[in-house]
Amino acid sequence: TTPQKIATPTQVGFDTNWVEAAAGGGFSLARKID
């Protein structure tokens, strides 16, 4: 949770099989190609 804000797009991990993401209140969801 540090830093508490990041003001530029930053990669989440290194996987390359994501197809969909959904941002909620203080949580996130994402779906992979599988």
PDB file of all heavy atoms in Angstrom:
ATOM      1  N   THR A   1       0.827  -1.201   0.000  1.00  0.00           N
ATOM      2  CA  THR A   1       0.000   0.000   0.000  1.00  0.00           C
ATOM      3  C   THR A   1       0.866   1.258   0.000  1.00  0.00           C
ATOM      4  O   THR A   1       0.354   2.372   0.133  1.00  0.00           O
ATOM      5  CB  THR A   1      -0.924   0.028   1.228  1.00  0.00           C
ATOM      6  OG1 THR A   1      -0.132  -0.064   2.416  1.00  0.00           O
ATOM      7  CG2 THR A   1      -1.904  -1.135   1.192  1.00  0.00           C
ATOM      8  N   THR A   2       2.156   1.068  -0.159  1.00  0.00           N
ATOM      9  CA  THR A   2       3.109   2.184  -0.251  1.00  0.00           C
ATOM     10  C   THR A   2       3.745   2.187  -1.633  1.00  0.00           C
ATOM     11  O   THR A   2       4.268   1.164  -2.073  1.00  0.00           O
ATOM     12  CB  THR A   2       4.208   2.055   0.812  1.00  0.00           C
ATOM     13  OG1 THR A   2       3.576   1.994   2.110  1.00  0.00           O
ATOM     14  CG2 THR A   2       5.151   3.230   0.779  1.00  0.00           C
ATOM     15  N   PRO A   3       3.698   3.317  -2.354  1.00  0.00           N
ATOM     16  CA  PRO A   3       3.053   4.579  -1.977  1.00  0.00           C
ATOM     17  C   PRO A   3       1.538   4.465  -2.013  1.00  0.00           C
ATOM     18  O   PRO A   3       0.985   3.541  -2.611  1.00  0.00           O
ATOM     19  CB  PRO A   3       3.566   5.548  -3.032  1.00  0.00           C
ATOM     20  CG  PRO A   3       3.763   4.696  -4.240  1.00  0.00           C
ATOM     21  CD  PRO A   3       4.275   3.384  -3.718  1.00  0.00           C
ATOM     22  N   GLN A   4       0.865   5.422  -1.372  1.00  0.00           N
ATOM     23  CA  GLN A   4      -0.586   5.400  -1.304  1.00  0.00           C
ATOM     24  C   GLN A   4      -1.247   5.889  -2.580  1.00  0.00           C
ATOM     25  O   GLN A   4      -2.449   5.760  -2.740  1.00  0.00           O
ATOM     26  CB  GLN A   4      -1.069   6.224  -0.105  1.00  0.00           C
ATOM     27  CG  GLN A   4      -0.742   5.573   1.227  1.00  0.00           C
ATOM     28  CD  GLN A   4      -1.503   6.200   2.372  1.00  0.00           C
ATOM     29  OE1 GLN A   4      -1.916   7.359   2.319  1.00  0.00           O
ATOM     30  NE2 GLN A   4      -1.697   5.433   3.429  1.00  0.00           N
ATOM     31  N   LYS A   5      -0.482   6.469  -3.478  1.00  0.00           N
ATOM     32  CA  LYS A   5      -1.010   6.855  -4.781  1.00  0.00           C
ATOM     33  C   LYS A   5       0.098   6.765  -5.812  1.00  0.00           C
ATOM     34  O   LYS A   5       1.264   7.024  -5.508  1.00  0.00           O
ATOM     35  CB  LYS A   5      -1.615   8.260  -4.745  1.00  0.00           C
ATOM     36  CG  LYS A   5      -0.660   9.355  -4.367  1.00  0.00           C
ATOM     37  CD  LYS A   5      -1.349  10.718  -4.326  1.00  0.00           C
ATOM     38  CE  LYS A   5      -2.310  10.833  -3.170  1.00  0.00           C
ATOM     39  NZ  LYS A   5      -2.868  12.216  -3.040  1.00  0.00           N
ATOM     40  N   ILE A   6      -0.260   6.357  -7.020  1.00  0.00           N
ATOM     41  CA  ILE A   6       0.671   6.276  -8.137  1.00  0.00           C
ATOM     42  C   ILE A   6       0.021   6.997  -9.308  1.00  0.00           C
ATOM     43  O   ILE A   6      -1.069   6.625  -9.744  1.00  0.00           O
ATOM     44  CB  ILE A   6       0.991   4.820  -8.511  1.00  0.00           C
ATOM     45  CG1 ILE A   6       1.666   4.105  -7.333  1.00  0.00           C
ATOM     46  CG2 ILE A   6       1.885   4.764  -9.748  1.00  0.00           C
ATOM     47  CD1 ILE A   6       1.924   2.634  -7.567  1.00  0.00           C
ATOM     48  N   ALA A   7       0.675   8.039  -9.790  1.00  0.00           N
ATOM     49  CA  ALA A   7       0.030   8.962 -10.726  1.00  0.00           C
ATOM     50  C   ALA A   7       0.302   8.673 -12.191  1.00  0.00           C
ATOM     51  O   ALA A   7      -0.093   9.455 -13.057  1.00  0.00           O
ATOM     52  CB  ALA A   7       0.439  10.395 -10.397  1.00  0.00           C
ATOM     53  N   THR A   8       0.944   7.555 -12.511  1.00  0.00           N
ATOM     54  CA  THR A   8       1.151   7.163 -13.904  1.00  0.00           C
ATOM     55  C   THR A   8       0.843   5.672 -14.053  1.00  0.00           C
ATOM     56  O   THR A   8       0.991   4.905 -13.095  1.00  0.00           O
ATOM     57  CB  THR A   8       2.593   7.422 -14.367  1.00  0.00           C
ATOM     58  OG1 THR A   8       3.495   6.715 -13.492  1.00  0.00           O
ATOM     59  CG2 THR A   8       2.918   8.899 -14.343  1.00  0.00           C
ATOM     60  N   PRO A   9       0.407   5.215 -15.228  1.00  0.00           N
ATOM     61  CA  PRO A   9       0.145   3.791 -15.424  1.00  0.00           C
ATOM     62  C   PRO A   9       1.363   2.949 -15.069  1.00  0.00           C
ATOM     63  O   PRO A   9       2.474   3.202 -15.548  1.00  0.00           O
ATOM     64  CB  PRO A   9      -0.194   3.703 -16.915  1.00  0.00           C
ATOM     65  CG  PRO A   9      -0.760   5.046 -17.238  1.00  0.00           C
ATOM     66  CD  PRO A   9       0.055   6.011 -16.419  1.00  0.00           C
ATOM     67  N   THR A  10       1.135   1.944 -14.208  1.00  0.00           N
ATOM     68  CA  THR A  10       2.198   1.078 -13.712  1.00  0.00           C
ATOM     69  C   THR A  10       1.782  -0.368 -13.906  1.00  0.00           C
ATOM     70  O   THR A  10       0.660  -0.752 -13.550  1.00  0.00           O
ATOM     71  CB  THR A  10       2.460   1.358 -12.220  1.00  0.00           C
ATOM     72  OG1 THR A  10       2.803   2.745 -12.059  1.00  0.00           O
ATOM     73  CG2 THR A  10       3.591   0.504 -11.689  1.00  0.00           C
ATOM     74  N   GLN A  11       2.650  -1.174 -14.466  1.00  0.00           N
ATOM     75  CA  GLN A  11       2.279  -2.556 -14.777  1.00  0.00           C
ATOM     76  C   GLN A  11       2.034  -3.360 -13.509  1.00  0.00           C
ATOM     77  O   GLN A  11       2.759  -3.243 -12.522  1.00  0.00           O
ATOM     78  CB  GLN A  11       3.354  -3.228 -15.637  1.00  0.00           C
ATOM     79  CG  GLN A  11       2.926  -4.597 -16.158  1.00  0.00           C
ATOM     80  CD  GLN A  11       3.881  -5.164 -17.188  1.00  0.00           C
ATOM     81  OE1 GLN A  11       4.735  -4.461 -17.706  1.00  0.00           O
ATOM     82  NE2 GLN A  11       3.726  -6.436 -17.490  1.00  0.00           N
ATOM     83  N   VAL A  12       1.004  -4.196 -13.553  1.00  0.00           N
ATOM     84  CA  VAL A  12       0.680  -5.108 -12.465  1.00  0.00           C
ATOM     85  C   VAL A  12       1.290  -6.461 -12.785  1.00  0.00           C
ATOM     86  O   VAL A  12       0.826  -7.166 -13.687  1.00  0.00           O
ATOM     87  CB  VAL A  12      -0.843  -5.238 -12.290  1.00  0.00           C
ATOM     88  CG1 VAL A  12      -1.168  -6.198 -11.147  1.00  0.00           C
ATOM     89  CG2 VAL A  12      -1.485  -3.878 -12.045  1.00  0.00           C
ATOM     90  N   GLY A  13       2.353  -6.822 -12.079  1.00  0.00           N
ATOM     91  CA  GLY A  13       3.015  -8.090 -12.354  1.00  0.00           C
ATOM     92  C   GLY A  13       3.607  -8.148 -13.745  1.00  0.00           C
ATOM     93  O   GLY A  13       3.855  -7.115 -14.379  1.00  0.00           O
ATOM     94  N   PHE A  14       3.818  -9.372 -14.221  1.00  0.00           N
ATOM     95  CA  PHE A  14       4.458  -9.548 -15.521  1.00  0.00           C
ATOM     96  C   PHE A  14       3.652 -10.427 -16.478  1.00  0.00           C
ATOM     97  O   PHE A  14       4.097 -10.721 -17.586  1.00  0.00           O
ATOM     98  CB  PHE A  14       5.855 -10.161 -15.333  1.00  0.00           C
ATOM     99  CG  PHE A  14       6.771  -9.310 -14.504  1.00  0.00           C
ATOM    100  CD1 PHE A  14       6.972  -9.586 -13.161  1.00  0.00           C
ATOM    101  CD2 PHE A  14       7.406  -8.202 -15.049  1.00  0.00           C
ATOM    102  CE1 PHE A  14       7.802  -8.789 -12.385  1.00  0.00           C
ATOM    103  CE2 PHE A  14       8.242  -7.401 -14.297  1.00  0.00           C
ATOM    104  CZ  PHE A  14       8.445  -7.690 -12.948  1.00  0.00           C
ATOM    105  N   ASP A  15       2.461 -10.842 -16.071  1.00  0.00           N
ATOM    106  CA  ASP A  15       1.655 -11.711 -16.925  1.00  0.00           C
ATOM    107  C   ASP A  15       1.218 -10.970 -18.192  1.00  0.00           C
ATOM    108  O   ASP A  15       1.007  -9.756 -18.187  1.00  0.00           O
ATOM    109  CB  ASP A  15       0.422 -12.214 -16.180  1.00  0.00           C
ATOM    110  CG  ASP A  15       0.775 -13.204 -15.075  1.00  0.00           C
ATOM    111  OD1 ASP A  15       1.935 -13.667 -15.041  1.00  0.00           O
ATOM    112  OD2 ASP A  15      -0.109 -13.510 -14.245  1.00  0.00           O
ATOM    113  N   THR A  16       1.063 -11.723 -19.255  1.00  0.00           N
ATOM    114  CA  THR A  16       0.681 -11.140 -20.549  1.00  0.00           C
ATOM    115  C   THR A  16      -0.576 -11.811 -21.109  1.00  0.00           C
ATOM    116  O   THR A  16      -0.761 -11.901 -22.319  1.00  0.00           O
ATOM    117  CB  THR A  16       1.825 -11.282 -21.556  1.00  0.00           C
ATOM    118  OG1 THR A  16       2.158 -12.676 -21.706  1.00  0.00           O
ATOM    119  CG2 THR A  16       3.061 -10.521 -21.095  1.00  0.00           C
ATOM    120  N   ASN A  17      -1.439 -12.283 -20.202  1.00  0.00           N
ATOM    121  CA  ASN A  17      -2.647 -12.981 -20.638  1.00  0.00           C
ATOM    122  C   ASN A  17      -3.922 -12.388 -20.036  1.00  0.00           C
ATOM    123  O   ASN A  17      -4.923 -13.069 -19.885  1.00  0.00           O
ATOM    124  CB  ASN A  17      -2.554 -14.472 -20.318  1.00  0.00           C
ATOM    125  CG  ASN A  17      -2.309 -14.750 -18.836  1.00  0.00           C
ATOM    126  OD1 ASN A  17      -2.006 -13.846 -18.062  1.00  0.00           O
ATOM    127  ND2 ASN A  17      -2.415 -16.014 -18.448  1.00  0.00           N
ATOM    128  N   TRP A  18      -3.888 -11.096 -19.707  1.00  0.00           N
ATOM    129  CA  TRP A  18      -5.078 -10.421 -19.206  1.00  0.00           C
ATOM    130  C   TRP A  18      -5.949  -9.946 -20.377  1.00  0.00           C
ATOM    131  O   TRP A  18      -5.429  -9.520 -21.401  1.00  0.00           O
ATOM    132  CB  TRP A  18      -4.688  -9.217 -18.355  1.00  0.00           C
ATOM    133  CG  TRP A  18      -3.867  -9.551 -17.147  1.00  0.00           C
ATOM    134  CD1 TRP A  18      -2.520  -9.358 -16.987  1.00  0.00           C
ATOM    135  CD2 TRP A  18      -4.331 -10.127 -15.924  1.00  0.00           C
ATOM    136  NE1 TRP A  18      -2.118  -9.769 -15.739  1.00  0.00           N
ATOM    137  CE2 TRP A  18      -3.214 -10.252 -15.067  1.00  0.00           C
ATOM    138  CE3 TRP A  18      -5.592 -10.547 -15.464  1.00  0.00           C
ATOM    139  CZ2 TRP A  18      -3.310 -10.781 -13.779  1.00  0.00           C
ATOM    140  CZ3 TRP A  18      -5.684 -11.078 -14.189  1.00  0.00           C
ATOM    141  CH2 TRP A  18      -4.558 -11.189 -13.360  1.00  0.00           C
ATOM    142  N   VAL A  19      -7.285 -10.027 -20.210  1.00  0.00           N
ATOM    143  CA  VAL A  19      -8.187  -9.579 -21.273  1.00  0.00           C
ATOM    144  C   VAL A  19      -9.227  -8.561 -20.798  1.00  0.00           C
ATOM    145  O   VAL A  19      -9.816  -7.857 -21.622  1.00  0.00           O
ATOM    146  CB  VAL A  19      -8.919 -10.772 -21.928  1.00  0.00           C
ATOM    147  CG1 VAL A  19      -7.937 -11.673 -22.646  1.00  0.00           C
ATOM    148  CG2 VAL A  19      -9.722 -11.562 -20.890  1.00  0.00           C
ATOM    149  N   GLU A  20      -9.454  -8.472 -19.486  1.00  0.00           N
ATOM    150  CA  GLU A  20     -10.485  -7.567 -18.979  1.00  0.00           C
ATOM    151  C   GLU A  20     -10.162  -7.178 -17.553  1.00  0.00           C
ATOM    152  O   GLU A  20      -9.683  -7.997 -16.768  1.00  0.00           O
ATOM    153  CB  GLU A  20     -11.862  -8.252 -19.027  1.00  0.00           C
ATOM    154  CG  GLU A  20     -13.006  -7.380 -18.539  1.00  0.00           C
ATOM    155  CD  GLU A  20     -14.308  -8.144 -18.398  1.00  0.00           C
ATOM    156  OE1 GLU A  20     -14.281  -9.395 -18.401  1.00  0.00           O
ATOM    157  OE2 GLU A  20     -15.358  -7.488 -18.269  1.00  0.00           O
ATOM    158  N   ALA A  21     -10.416  -5.919 -17.205  1.00  0.00           N
ATOM    159  CA  ALA A  21     -10.216  -5.438 -15.843  1.00  0.00           C
ATOM    160  C   ALA A  21     -11.414  -4.623 -15.407  1.00  0.00           C
ATOM    161  O   ALA A  21     -12.084  -3.982 -16.225  1.00  0.00           O
ATOM    162  CB  ALA A  21      -8.947  -4.603 -15.742  1.00  0.00           C
ATOM    163  N   ALA A  22     -11.697  -4.625 -14.095  1.00  0.00           N
ATOM    164  CA  ALA A  22     -12.807  -3.857 -13.540  1.00  0.00           C
ATOM    165  C   ALA A  22     -12.361  -3.239 -12.223  1.00  0.00           C
ATOM    166  O   ALA A  22     -11.956  -3.954 -11.301  1.00  0.00           O
ATOM    167  CB  ALA A  22     -14.031  -4.747 -13.320  1.00  0.00           C
ATOM    168  N   ALA A  23     -12.417  -1.921 -12.131  1.00  0.00           N
ATOM    169  CA  ALA A  23     -12.001  -1.186 -10.940  1.00  0.00           C
ATOM    170  C   ALA A  23     -13.217  -0.847 -10.088  1.00  0.00           C
ATOM    171  O   ALA A  23     -14.182  -0.262 -10.582  1.00  0.00           O
ATOM    172  CB  ALA A  23     -11.261   0.088 -11.339  1.00  0.00           C
ATOM    173  N   GLY A  24     -13.173  -1.201  -8.805  1.00  0.00           N
ATOM    174  CA  GLY A  24     -14.270  -0.907  -7.896  1.00  0.00           C
ATOM    175  C   GLY A  24     -13.943   0.253  -6.982  1.00  0.00           C
ATOM    176  O   GLY A  24     -13.188   1.159  -7.338  1.00  0.00           O
ATOM    177  N   GLY A  25     -14.514   0.221  -5.771  1.00  0.00           N
ATOM    178  CA  GLY A  25     -14.253   1.282  -4.819  1.00  0.00           C
ATOM    179  C   GLY A  25     -12.803   1.284  -4.383  1.00  0.00           C
ATOM    180  O   GLY A  25     -12.020   2.130  -4.803  1.00  0.00           O
ATOM    181  N   GLY A  26     -12.405   0.337  -3.562  1.00  0.00           N
ATOM    182  CA  GLY A  26     -11.009   0.191  -3.161  1.00  0.00           C
ATOM    183  C   GLY A  26     -10.492  -1.191  -3.472  1.00  0.00           C
ATOM    184  O   GLY A  26      -9.630  -1.731  -2.794  1.00  0.00           O
ATOM    185  N   PHE A  27     -11.038  -1.801  -4.540  1.00  0.00           N
ATOM    186  CA  PHE A  27     -10.610  -3.142  -4.929  1.00  0.00           C
ATOM    187  C   PHE A  27     -10.629  -3.258  -6.439  1.00  0.00           C
ATOM    188  O   PHE A  27     -11.163  -2.404  -7.146  1.00  0.00           O
ATOM    189  CB  PHE A  27     -11.502  -4.215  -4.289  1.00  0.00           C
ATOM    190  CG  PHE A  27     -12.871  -4.353  -4.912  1.00  0.00           C
ATOM    191  CD1 PHE A  27     -13.165  -5.434  -5.723  1.00  0.00           C
ATOM    192  CD2 PHE A  27     -13.865  -3.414  -4.670  1.00  0.00           C
ATOM    193  CE1 PHE A  27     -14.426  -5.578  -6.299  1.00  0.00           C
ATOM    194  CE2 PHE A  27     -15.130  -3.552  -5.232  1.00  0.00           C
ATOM    195  CZ  PHE A  27     -15.408  -4.637  -6.039  1.00  0.00           C
ATOM    196  N   SER A  28     -10.037  -4.346  -6.928  1.00  0.00           N
ATOM    197  CA  SER A  28      -9.892  -4.546  -8.371  1.00  0.00           C
ATOM    198  C   SER A  28     -10.186  -5.991  -8.741  1.00  0.00           C
ATOM    199  O   SER A  28      -9.944  -6.913  -7.961  1.00  0.00           O
ATOM    200  CB  SER A  28      -8.466  -4.196  -8.815  1.00  0.00           C
ATOM    201  OG  SER A  28      -8.146  -2.860  -8.493  1.00  0.00           O
ATOM    202  N   LEU A  29     -10.670  -6.167  -9.958  1.00  0.00           N
ATOM    203  CA  LEU A  29     -10.901  -7.486 -10.545  1.00  0.00           C
ATOM    204  C   LEU A  29     -10.272  -7.514 -11.924  1.00  0.00           C
ATOM    205  O   LEU A  29     -10.196  -6.498 -12.604  1.00  0.00           O
ATOM    206  CB  LEU A  29     -12.391  -7.776 -10.683  1.00  0.00           C
ATOM    207  CG  LEU A  29     -13.277  -7.741  -9.445  1.00  0.00           C
ATOM    208  CD1 LEU A  29     -14.744  -7.847  -9.866  1.00  0.00           C
ATOM    209  CD2 LEU A  29     -12.916  -8.861  -8.494  1.00  0.00           C
ATOM    210  N   ALA A  30      -9.850  -8.692 -12.353  1.00  0.00           N
ATOM    211  CA  ALA A  30      -9.365  -8.846 -13.718  1.00  0.00           C
ATOM    212  C   ALA A  30      -9.570 -10.280 -14.170  1.00  0.00           C
ATOM    213  O   ALA A  30      -9.561 -11.212 -13.363  1.00  0.00           O
ATOM    214  CB  ALA A  30      -7.900  -8.443 -13.834  1.00  0.00           C
ATOM    215  N   ARG A  31      -9.771 -10.433 -15.472  1.00  0.00           N
ATOM    216  CA  ARG A  31     -10.002 -11.755 -16.063  1.00  0.00           C
ATOM    217  C   ARG A  31      -8.888 -12.064 -17.045  1.00  0.00           C
ATOM    218  O   ARG A  31      -8.447 -11.187 -17.801  1.00  0.00           O
ATOM    219  CB  ARG A  31     -11.361 -11.785 -16.759  1.00  0.00           C
ATOM    220  CG  ARG A  31     -11.731 -13.130 -17.383  1.00  0.00           C
ATOM    221  CD  ARG A  31     -13.190 -13.114 -17.837  1.00  0.00           C
ATOM    222  NE  ARG A  31     -13.469 -12.066 -18.797  1.00  0.00           N
ATOM    223  CZ  ARG A  31     -13.334 -12.207 -20.125  1.00  0.00           C
ATOM    224  NH1 ARG A  31     -12.895 -13.350 -20.640  1.00  0.00           N
ATOM    225  NH2 ARG A  31     -13.636 -11.201 -20.921  1.00  0.00           N
ATOM    226  N   LYS A  32      -8.440 -13.317 -17.021  1.00  0.00           N
ATOM    227  CA  LYS A  32      -7.393 -13.757 -17.943  1.00  0.00           C
ATOM    228  C   LYS A  32      -8.003 -14.456 -19.145  1.00  0.00           C
ATOM    229  O   LYS A  32      -9.194 -14.790 -19.168  1.00  0.00           O
ATOM    230  CB  LYS A  32      -6.404 -14.687 -17.232  1.00  0.00           C
ATOM    231  CG  LYS A  32      -5.514 -13.968 -16.237  1.00  0.00           C
ATOM    232  CD  LYS A  32      -4.423 -14.877 -15.685  1.00  0.00           C
ATOM    233  CE  LYS A  32      -3.431 -14.103 -14.841  1.00  0.00           C
ATOM    234  NZ  LYS A  32      -2.327 -14.958 -14.329  1.00  0.00           N
ATOM    235  N   ILE A  33      -7.178 -14.715 -20.144  1.00  0.00           N
ATOM    236  CA  ILE A  33      -7.635 -15.324 -21.383  1.00  0.00           C
ATOM    237  C   ILE A  33      -8.156 -16.736 -21.156  1.00  0.00           C
ATOM    238  O   ILE A  33      -8.961 -17.263 -21.947  1.00  0.00           O
ATOM    239  CB  ILE A  33      -6.508 -15.307 -22.448  1.00  0.00           C
ATOM    240  CG1 ILE A  33      -7.089 -15.532 -23.838  1.00  0.00           C
ATOM    241  CG2 ILE A  33      -5.415 -16.311 -22.099  1.00  0.00           C
ATOM    242  CD1 ILE A  33      -6.089 -15.279 -24.955  1.00  0.00           C
ATOM    243  N   ASP A  34      -7.720 -17.374 -20.044  1.00  0.00           N
ATOM    244  CA  ASP A  34      -8.213 -18.718 -19.725  1.00  0.00           C
ATOM    245  C   ASP A  34      -9.527 -18.668 -18.946  1.00  0.00           C
ATOM    246  O   ASP A  34      -9.990 -19.687 -18.427  1.00  0.00           O
ATOM    247  CB  ASP A  34      -7.160 -19.496 -18.936  1.00  0.00           C
ATOM    248  CG  ASP A  34      -6.816 -18.855 -17.598  1.00  0.00           C
ATOM    249  OD1 ASP A  34      -7.399 -17.793 -17.265  1.00  0.00           O
ATOM    250  OD2 ASP A  34      -5.960 -19.407 -16.876  1.00  0.00           O
TER     251      ASP A  34
END
